[in-house]
Structures are given as structure tokens and as C-alpha cells.
Amino acid sequence: MQAIGLVAPDPFVGGGGGFVLRGRTGLGLGGTGALGVRAGRLAARGEALLSFSLDPLRDRGAVPYLAGGVAVLGDGAGAQEYLVAVFGVSLNPGANRGWFAEAGVGGGVRLSVGVAFRHGR
């Protein structure tokens, strides 16, 4: 579960969910989807991201990661595609549940916070 916002000429604010398939190497492949509002219209944003943990063996504390990929943001007026670059911090990545926060670019300045539910660690 996440909340996401874009600071842009037509700002987007929304919420949604996603998934990340991550291995012990620190690489992850994931996708997110969010519904929200842009320019007073119902809008949706989808992302596909490849991520890399900067400390993949650490299970506790704040662990930074980088991610990059593509996004599509659309509303009743049309859709746009963007390249996305993100710096994030995951809290307690070895636990079944933890928080994350992200800042980056992709259609504007991209900010996101959320709760991560993990399985199989």
C-alpha cells in the first residue's frame, strides 16, 4: 500500500499498491498501480521498476535502494509515458512488515510513502 504524489504542472495525488519480487542479490522487479486525481479529473498511474538494494544483506534498520523504470499516467484527457528514477529507504526489510519512503523523478518530482508486507524472507 502506498501514497504517491507528483509535483508537476498538472500534479497527481493518489494511492494504490504494488509488488516487488526480490532475490538475495538485492535486485528486485516490481510494479505499482495507483488511482488518484490530476487536474481535477480521475487519473491512474502505473509503473514498472527494476530496483537494487544498496545493502542487500542487511535485514534491520533503514536500508537505501535505487530504482528505475517506466510509468504511464492517464486521465480522461489522455495518457503520457515517463522514465522514472527513484531513491528509496526501506525500514526493516527482513521483517514481515515495514515502511518505505521514496523520492525521485518521472513526470515531475515523485514522492511516495507506504507500508510493505513481505513474505518468504
Protein backbone atom coordinates (compact mmCIF):
# COMPACT_ATOMS: atom_id res chain seq x y z
CA MET A 1 0.00 0.00 0.00
CA GLN A 2 1.33 3.39 -0.91
CA ALA A 3 0.50 7.04 -1.28
CA ILE A 4 2.11 8.77 -4.26
CA GLY A 5 2.28 12.37 -5.39
CA LEU A 6 3.81 14.25 -8.31
CA VAL A 7 4.82 17.88 -8.10
CA ALA A 8 4.33 18.93 -11.73
CA PRO A 9 2.38 21.49 -13.80
CA ASP A 10 -0.58 19.06 -13.53
CA PRO A 11 0.02 17.49 -10.10
CA PHE A 12 -1.11 13.93 -9.39
CA VAL A 13 -2.09 12.66 -5.93
CA GLY A 14 -3.20 9.09 -5.43
CA GLY A 15 -2.94 5.81 -3.61
CA GLY A 16 -2.58 2.19 -4.57
CA GLY A 17 -0.49 -0.91 -4.24
CA GLY A 18 2.16 -2.94 -5.88
CA PHE A 19 4.58 -5.80 -5.62
CA VAL A 20 8.32 -6.43 -5.79
CA LEU A 21 9.93 -9.80 -6.48
CA ARG A 22 13.31 -9.58 -4.79
CA GLY A 23 16.20 -12.01 -4.58
CA ARG A 24 19.06 -12.18 -2.07
CA THR A 25 21.31 -10.37 -4.56
CA GLY A 26 19.48 -7.11 -3.90
CA LEU A 27 17.84 -6.93 -7.34
CA GLY A 28 14.08 -6.55 -7.49
CA LEU A 29 11.47 -6.33 -10.23
CA GLY A 30 8.14 -4.75 -9.41
CA GLY A 31 5.08 -2.90 -10.48
CA THR A 32 2.70 -0.41 -8.90
CA GLY A 33 -0.71 0.95 -9.68
CA ALA A 34 -2.44 3.98 -8.20
CA LEU A 35 -5.75 5.76 -8.63
CA GLY A 36 -5.97 9.43 -7.90
CA VAL A 37 -6.68 12.92 -9.18
CA ARG A 38 -4.86 15.04 -11.76
CA ALA A 39 -6.12 18.46 -12.84
CA GLY A 40 -9.48 17.75 -11.19
CA ARG A 41 -10.00 14.51 -13.14
CA LEU A 42 -9.86 10.87 -12.06
CA ALA A 43 -6.46 9.54 -13.11
CA ALA A 44 -4.41 6.34 -12.90
CA ARG A 45 -0.66 5.77 -12.79
CA GLY A 46 1.16 2.50 -13.38
CA GLU A 47 4.88 1.85 -13.00
CA ALA A 48 7.29 -0.97 -13.78
CA LEU A 49 10.58 -0.65 -11.87
CA LEU A 50 13.85 -2.51 -11.51
CA SER A 51 15.39 -1.88 -8.09
CA PHE A 52 18.70 -2.55 -6.38
CA SER A 53 19.28 -2.58 -2.61
CA LEU A 54 22.47 -0.76 -1.63
CA ASP A 55 22.88 -3.11 1.38
CA PRO A 56 21.16 -6.40 0.37
CA LEU A 57 22.35 -8.45 3.37
CA ARG A 58 21.02 -6.02 5.98
CA ASP A 59 17.66 -7.03 7.47
CA ARG A 60 17.19 -4.32 10.13
CA GLY A 61 17.23 -0.58 10.21
CA ALA A 62 16.99 1.80 7.27
CA VAL A 63 18.28 0.28 4.02
CA PRO A 64 18.63 2.52 0.94
CA TYR A 65 17.84 1.41 -2.60
CA LEU A 66 17.76 2.76 -6.14
CA ALA A 67 15.11 2.04 -8.76
CA GLY A 68 14.45 2.93 -12.36
CA GLY A 69 11.87 2.12 -14.96
CA VAL A 70 8.84 3.44 -16.79
CA ALA A 71 5.47 4.92 -15.84
CA VAL A 72 2.20 5.67 -17.58
CA LEU A 73 -0.12 8.36 -16.22
CA GLY A 74 -3.52 8.82 -17.76
CA ASP A 75 -6.86 10.54 -17.28
CA GLY A 76 -9.85 11.41 -19.46
CA ALA A 77 -7.72 13.87 -21.44
CA GLY A 78 -5.06 11.31 -22.47
CA ALA A 79 -2.01 9.43 -21.26
CA GLN A 80 1.71 10.16 -21.01
CA GLU A 81 4.70 7.86 -20.59
CA TYR A 82 7.71 8.73 -18.42
CA LEU A 83 11.10 7.38 -17.46
CA VAL A 84 11.34 7.04 -13.67
CA ALA A 85 14.38 7.27 -11.35
CA VAL A 86 13.92 6.74 -7.59
CA PHE A 87 15.97 6.82 -4.40
CA GLY A 88 14.23 4.99 -1.56
CA VAL A 89 14.69 3.83 2.01
CA SER A 90 13.14 0.64 3.35
CA LEU A 91 12.76 0.21 7.10
CA ASN A 92 13.50 -3.30 8.44
CA PRO A 93 13.48 -5.14 5.08
CA GLY A 94 13.91 -8.52 6.81
CA ALA A 95 10.66 -8.18 8.77
CA ASN A 96 7.22 -9.32 7.59
CA ARG A 97 6.09 -5.68 7.55
CA GLY A 98 7.90 -2.37 7.27
CA TRP A 99 7.73 1.16 5.91
CA PHE A 100 9.31 2.72 2.86
CA ALA A 101 9.76 6.25 1.54
CA GLU A 102 10.85 7.28 -1.95
CA ALA A 103 11.83 10.45 -3.80
CA GLY A 104 12.62 10.73 -7.48
CA VAL A 105 11.57 11.97 -10.87
CA GLY A 106 9.20 10.72 -13.56
CA GLY A 107 6.51 13.08 -14.83
CA GLY A 108 7.56 15.60 -12.18
CA VAL A 109 9.08 15.31 -8.74
CA ARG A 110 7.83 11.94 -7.44
CA LEU A 111 7.24 11.34 -3.71
CA SER A 112 5.88 8.12 -2.24
CA VAL A 113 5.44 6.54 1.21
CA GLY A 114 3.88 3.24 2.15
CA VAL A 115 3.73 0.01 4.07
CA ALA A 116 5.45 -3.10 2.72
CA PHE A 117 4.03 -6.55 3.53
CA ARG A 118 6.71 -9.18 2.91
CA HIS A 119 6.56 -12.93 2.50
CA GLY A 120 9.26 -15.58 2.31
CA ARG A 121 12.22 -13.73 3.81
